[in-house]
Amino acid sequence: MRTVHTDNLVAFRASERLVSALRAQAEQSGVSVSEYLRSTVREKVGL
């Protein structure tokens, strides 16, 4: 089993349009916005 450590905070500003789209995509995927962003970033950076 892999141990996951998510103890680093990453923050950025986003437009309301982007936030709304993120919320909709996360809800459609059945996860939180944070988890949706983590999985998307992992894909993009190859982790």
PDB file of N, CA and C in Angstrom:
ATOM      1  N   MET A   1       0.832  -1.182   0.000  1.00  0.00           N
ATOM      2  CA  MET A   1       0.000   0.000   0.000  1.00  0.00           C
ATOM      3  C   MET A   1       0.877   1.246   0.000  1.00  0.00           C
ATOM      4  N   ARG A   2       0.502   2.226  -0.755  1.00  0.00           N
ATOM      5  CA  ARG A   2       1.256   3.475  -0.867  1.00  0.00           C
ATOM      6  C   ARG A   2       0.807   4.464   0.188  1.00  0.00           C
ATOM      7  N   THR A   3       1.756   5.085   0.865  1.00  0.00           N
ATOM      8  CA  THR A   3       1.439   6.115   1.842  1.00  0.00           C
ATOM      9  C   THR A   3       1.436   7.461   1.147  1.00  0.00           C
ATOM     10  N   VAL A   4       0.378   8.204   1.326  1.00  0.00           N
ATOM     11  CA  VAL A   4       0.245   9.511   0.695  1.00  0.00           C
ATOM     12  C   VAL A   4       0.407  10.590   1.761  1.00  0.00           C
ATOM     13  N   HIS A   5       1.260  11.537   1.483  1.00  0.00           N
ATOM     14  CA  HIS A   5       1.461  12.660   2.388  1.00  0.00           C
ATOM     15  C   HIS A   5       1.015  13.933   1.686  1.00  0.00           C
ATOM     16  N   THR A   6      -0.021  14.537   2.187  1.00  0.00           N
ATOM     17  CA  THR A   6      -0.512  15.790   1.608  1.00  0.00           C
ATOM     18  C   THR A   6      -0.473  16.867   2.677  1.00  0.00           C
ATOM     19  N   ASP A   7       0.741  17.224   3.069  1.00  0.00           N
ATOM     20  CA  ASP A   7       0.888  18.193   4.148  1.00  0.00           C
ATOM     21  C   ASP A   7       1.375  19.557   3.668  1.00  0.00           C
ATOM     22  N   ASN A   8       1.367  19.796   2.378  1.00  0.00           N
ATOM     23  CA  ASN A   8       1.776  21.086   1.829  1.00  0.00           C
ATOM     24  C   ASN A   8       0.557  21.810   1.271  1.00  0.00           C
ATOM     25  N   LEU A   9       0.429  23.063   1.643  1.00  0.00           N
ATOM     26  CA  LEU A   9      -0.681  23.872   1.170  1.00  0.00           C
ATOM     27  C   LEU A   9      -0.270  24.605  -0.099  1.00  0.00           C
ATOM     28  N   VAL A  10      -1.118  24.534  -1.120  1.00  0.00           N
ATOM     29  CA  VAL A  10      -0.913  25.276  -2.354  1.00  0.00           C
ATOM     30  C   VAL A  10      -2.151  26.141  -2.542  1.00  0.00           C
ATOM     31  N   ALA A  11      -1.953  27.430  -2.744  1.00  0.00           N
ATOM     32  CA  ALA A  11      -3.080  28.343  -2.907  1.00  0.00           C
ATOM     33  C   ALA A  11      -2.853  29.218  -4.131  1.00  0.00           C
ATOM     34  N   PHE A  12      -3.934  29.541  -4.813  1.00  0.00           N
ATOM     35  CA  PHE A  12      -3.843  30.448  -5.954  1.00  0.00           C
ATOM     36  C   PHE A  12      -5.192  31.128  -6.141  1.00  0.00           C
ATOM     37  N   ARG A  13      -5.173  32.229  -6.814  1.00  0.00           N
ATOM     38  CA  ARG A  13      -6.410  32.960  -7.106  1.00  0.00           C
ATOM     39  C   ARG A  13      -7.005  32.425  -8.411  1.00  0.00           C
ATOM     40  N   ALA A  14      -8.326  32.405  -8.459  1.00  0.00           N
ATOM     41  CA  ALA A  14      -9.003  31.918  -9.657  1.00  0.00           C
ATOM     42  C   ALA A  14     -10.279  32.727  -9.861  1.00  0.00           C
ATOM     43  N   SER A  15     -10.667  32.880 -11.114  1.00  0.00           N
ATOM     44  CA  SER A  15     -11.902  33.604 -11.424  1.00  0.00           C
ATOM     45  C   SER A  15     -13.105  32.775 -10.987  1.00  0.00           C
ATOM     46  N   GLU A  16     -14.222  33.437 -10.817  1.00  0.00           N
ATOM     47  CA  GLU A  16     -15.451  32.743 -10.439  1.00  0.00           C
ATOM     48  C   GLU A  16     -15.838  31.714 -11.497  1.00  0.00           C
ATOM     49  N   ARG A  17     -15.578  32.033 -12.751  1.00  0.00           N
ATOM     50  CA  ARG A  17     -15.895  31.104 -13.842  1.00  0.00           C
ATOM     51  C   ARG A  17     -15.094  29.806 -13.702  1.00  0.00           C
ATOM     52  N   LEU A  18     -13.804  29.927 -13.380  1.00  0.00           N
ATOM     53  CA  LEU A  18     -12.960  28.742 -13.204  1.00  0.00           C
ATOM     54  C   LEU A  18     -13.410  27.943 -11.982  1.00  0.00           C
ATOM     55  N   VAL A  19     -13.684  28.629 -10.892  1.00  0.00           N
ATOM     56  CA  VAL A  19     -14.120  27.950  -9.670  1.00  0.00           C
ATOM     57  C   VAL A  19     -15.440  27.208  -9.910  1.00  0.00           C
ATOM     58  N   SER A  20     -16.351  27.823 -10.601  1.00  0.00           N
ATOM     59  CA  SER A  20     -17.630  27.174 -10.908  1.00  0.00           C
ATOM     60  C   SER A  20     -17.426  25.924 -11.751  1.00  0.00           C
ATOM     61  N   ALA A  21     -16.558  26.029 -12.738  1.00  0.00           N
ATOM     62  CA  ALA A  21     -16.267  24.872 -13.592  1.00  0.00           C
ATOM     63  C   ALA A  21     -15.590  23.760 -12.790  1.00  0.00           C
ATOM     64  N   LEU A  22     -14.670  24.123 -11.910  1.00  0.00           N
ATOM     65  CA  LEU A  22     -14.009  23.124 -11.064  1.00  0.00           C
ATOM     66  C   LEU A  22     -15.009  22.413 -10.164  1.00  0.00           C
ATOM     67  N   ARG A  23     -15.880  23.187  -9.541  1.00  0.00           N
ATOM     68  CA  ARG A  23     -16.896  22.584  -8.675  1.00  0.00           C
ATOM     69  C   ARG A  23     -17.786  21.612  -9.454  1.00  0.00           C
ATOM     70  N   ALA A  24     -18.185  22.018 -10.643  1.00  0.00           N
ATOM     71  CA  ALA A  24     -19.052  21.160 -11.462  1.00  0.00           C
ATOM     72  C   ALA A  24     -18.332  19.872 -11.855  1.00  0.00           C
ATOM     73  N   GLN A  25     -17.083  19.975 -12.270  1.00  0.00           N
ATOM     74  CA  GLN A  25     -16.319  18.790 -12.658  1.00  0.00           C
ATOM     75  C   GLN A  25     -16.079  17.868 -11.470  1.00  0.00           C
ATOM     76  N   ALA A  26     -15.757  18.452 -10.321  1.00  0.00           N
ATOM     77  CA  ALA A  26     -15.526  17.654  -9.120  1.00  0.00           C
ATOM     78  C   ALA A  26     -16.801  16.924  -8.714  1.00  0.00           C
ATOM     79  N   GLU A  27     -17.912  17.636  -8.730  1.00  0.00           N
ATOM     80  CA  GLU A  27     -19.185  17.015  -8.371  1.00  0.00           C
ATOM     81  C   GLU A  27     -19.535  15.882  -9.325  1.00  0.00           C
ATOM     82  N   GLN A  28     -19.319  16.110 -10.610  1.00  0.00           N
ATOM     83  CA  GLN A  28     -19.590  15.083 -11.616  1.00  0.00           C
ATOM     84  C   GLN A  28     -18.716  13.855 -11.384  1.00  0.00           C
ATOM     85  N   SER A  29     -17.491  14.070 -10.901  1.00  0.00           N
ATOM     86  CA  SER A  29     -16.554  12.972 -10.633  1.00  0.00           C
ATOM     87  C   SER A  29     -16.776  12.345  -9.259  1.00  0.00           C
ATOM     88  N   GLY A  30     -17.610  12.965  -8.437  1.00  0.00           N
ATOM     89  CA  GLY A  30     -17.904  12.420  -7.123  1.00  0.00           C
ATOM     90  C   GLY A  30     -16.811  12.647  -6.091  1.00  0.00           C
ATOM     91  N   VAL A  31     -16.019  13.712  -6.269  1.00  0.00           N
ATOM     92  CA  VAL A  31     -14.934  14.019  -5.340  1.00  0.00           C
ATOM     93  C   VAL A  31     -14.982  15.497  -4.962  1.00  0.00           C
ATOM     94  N   SER A  32     -14.162  15.869  -3.984  1.00  0.00           N
ATOM     95  CA  SER A  32     -14.064  17.275  -3.599  1.00  0.00           C
ATOM     96  C   SER A  32     -13.254  18.036  -4.646  1.00  0.00           C
ATOM     97  N   VAL A  33     -13.347  19.354  -4.603  1.00  0.00           N
ATOM     98  CA  VAL A  33     -12.553  20.183  -5.514  1.00  0.00           C
ATOM     99  C   VAL A  33     -11.065  19.927  -5.279  1.00  0.00           C
ATOM    100  N   SER A  34     -10.661  19.819  -4.020  1.00  0.00           N
ATOM    101  CA  SER A  34      -9.246  19.556  -3.716  1.00  0.00           C
ATOM    102  C   SER A  34      -8.773  18.250  -4.332  1.00  0.00           C
ATOM    103  N   GLU A  35      -9.552  17.186  -4.164  1.00  0.00           N
ATOM    104  CA  GLU A  35      -9.159  15.886  -4.721  1.00  0.00           C
ATOM    105  C   GLU A  35      -9.157  15.926  -6.247  1.00  0.00           C
ATOM    106  N   TYR A  36     -10.118  16.618  -6.827  1.00  0.00           N
ATOM    107  CA  TYR A  36     -10.161  16.747  -8.279  1.00  0.00           C
ATOM    108  C   TYR A  36      -8.907  17.453  -8.797  1.00  0.00           C
ATOM    109  N   LEU A  37      -8.533  18.555  -8.128  1.00  0.00           N
ATOM    110  CA  LEU A  37      -7.327  19.281  -8.526  1.00  0.00           C
ATOM    111  C   LEU A  37      -6.085  18.427  -8.349  1.00  0.00           C
ATOM    112  N   ARG A  38      -5.977  17.704  -7.216  1.00  0.00           N
ATOM    113  CA  ARG A  38      -4.811  16.839  -7.001  1.00  0.00           C
ATOM    114  C   ARG A  38      -4.682  15.809  -8.111  1.00  0.00           C
ATOM    115  N   SER A  39      -5.773  15.153  -8.462  1.00  0.00           N
ATOM    116  CA  SER A  39      -5.696  14.122  -9.484  1.00  0.00           C
ATOM    117  C   SER A  39      -5.361  14.704 -10.858  1.00  0.00           C
ATOM    118  N   THR A  40      -5.916  15.876 -11.162  1.00  0.00           N
ATOM    119  CA  THR A  40      -5.624  16.534 -12.437  1.00  0.00           C
ATOM    120  C   THR A  40      -4.162  16.939 -12.523  1.00  0.00           C
ATOM    121  N   VAL A  41      -3.645  17.513 -11.454  1.00  0.00           N
ATOM    122  CA  VAL A  41      -2.241  17.927 -11.440  1.00  0.00           C
ATOM    123  C   VAL A  41      -1.323  16.715 -11.535  1.00  0.00           C
ATOM    124  N   ARG A  42      -1.647  15.633 -10.805  1.00  0.00           N
ATOM    125  CA  ARG A  42      -0.838  14.407 -10.901  1.00  0.00           C
ATOM    126  C   ARG A  42      -0.750  13.929 -12.358  1.00  0.00           C
ATOM    127  N   GLU A  43      -1.875  13.927 -13.056  1.00  0.00           N
ATOM    128  CA  GLU A  43      -1.887  13.533 -14.471  1.00  0.00           C
ATOM    129  C   GLU A  43      -0.966  14.435 -15.301  1.00  0.00           C
ATOM    130  N   LYS A  44      -1.093  15.731 -15.099  1.00  0.00           N
ATOM    131  CA  LYS A  44      -0.332  16.693 -15.911  1.00  0.00           C
ATOM    132  C   LYS A  44       1.160  16.632 -15.668  1.00  0.00           C
ATOM    133  N   VAL A  45       1.566  16.326 -14.432  1.00  0.00           N
ATOM    134  CA  VAL A  45       3.001  16.293 -14.143  1.00  0.00           C
ATOM    135  C   VAL A  45       3.572  14.872 -14.182  1.00  0.00           C
ATOM    136  N   GLY A  46       2.733  13.904 -14.466  1.00  0.00           N
ATOM    137  CA  GLY A  46       3.200  12.537 -14.655  1.00  0.00           C
ATOM    138  C   GLY A  46       3.467  11.758 -13.382  1.00  0.00           C
ATOM    139  N   LEU A  47       2.667  11.987 -12.351  1.00  0.00           N
ATOM    140  CA  LEU A  47       2.837  11.224 -11.098  1.00  0.00           C
ATOM    141  C   LEU A  47       1.756  10.187 -10.937  1.00  0.00           C
TER     142      LEU A  47
END
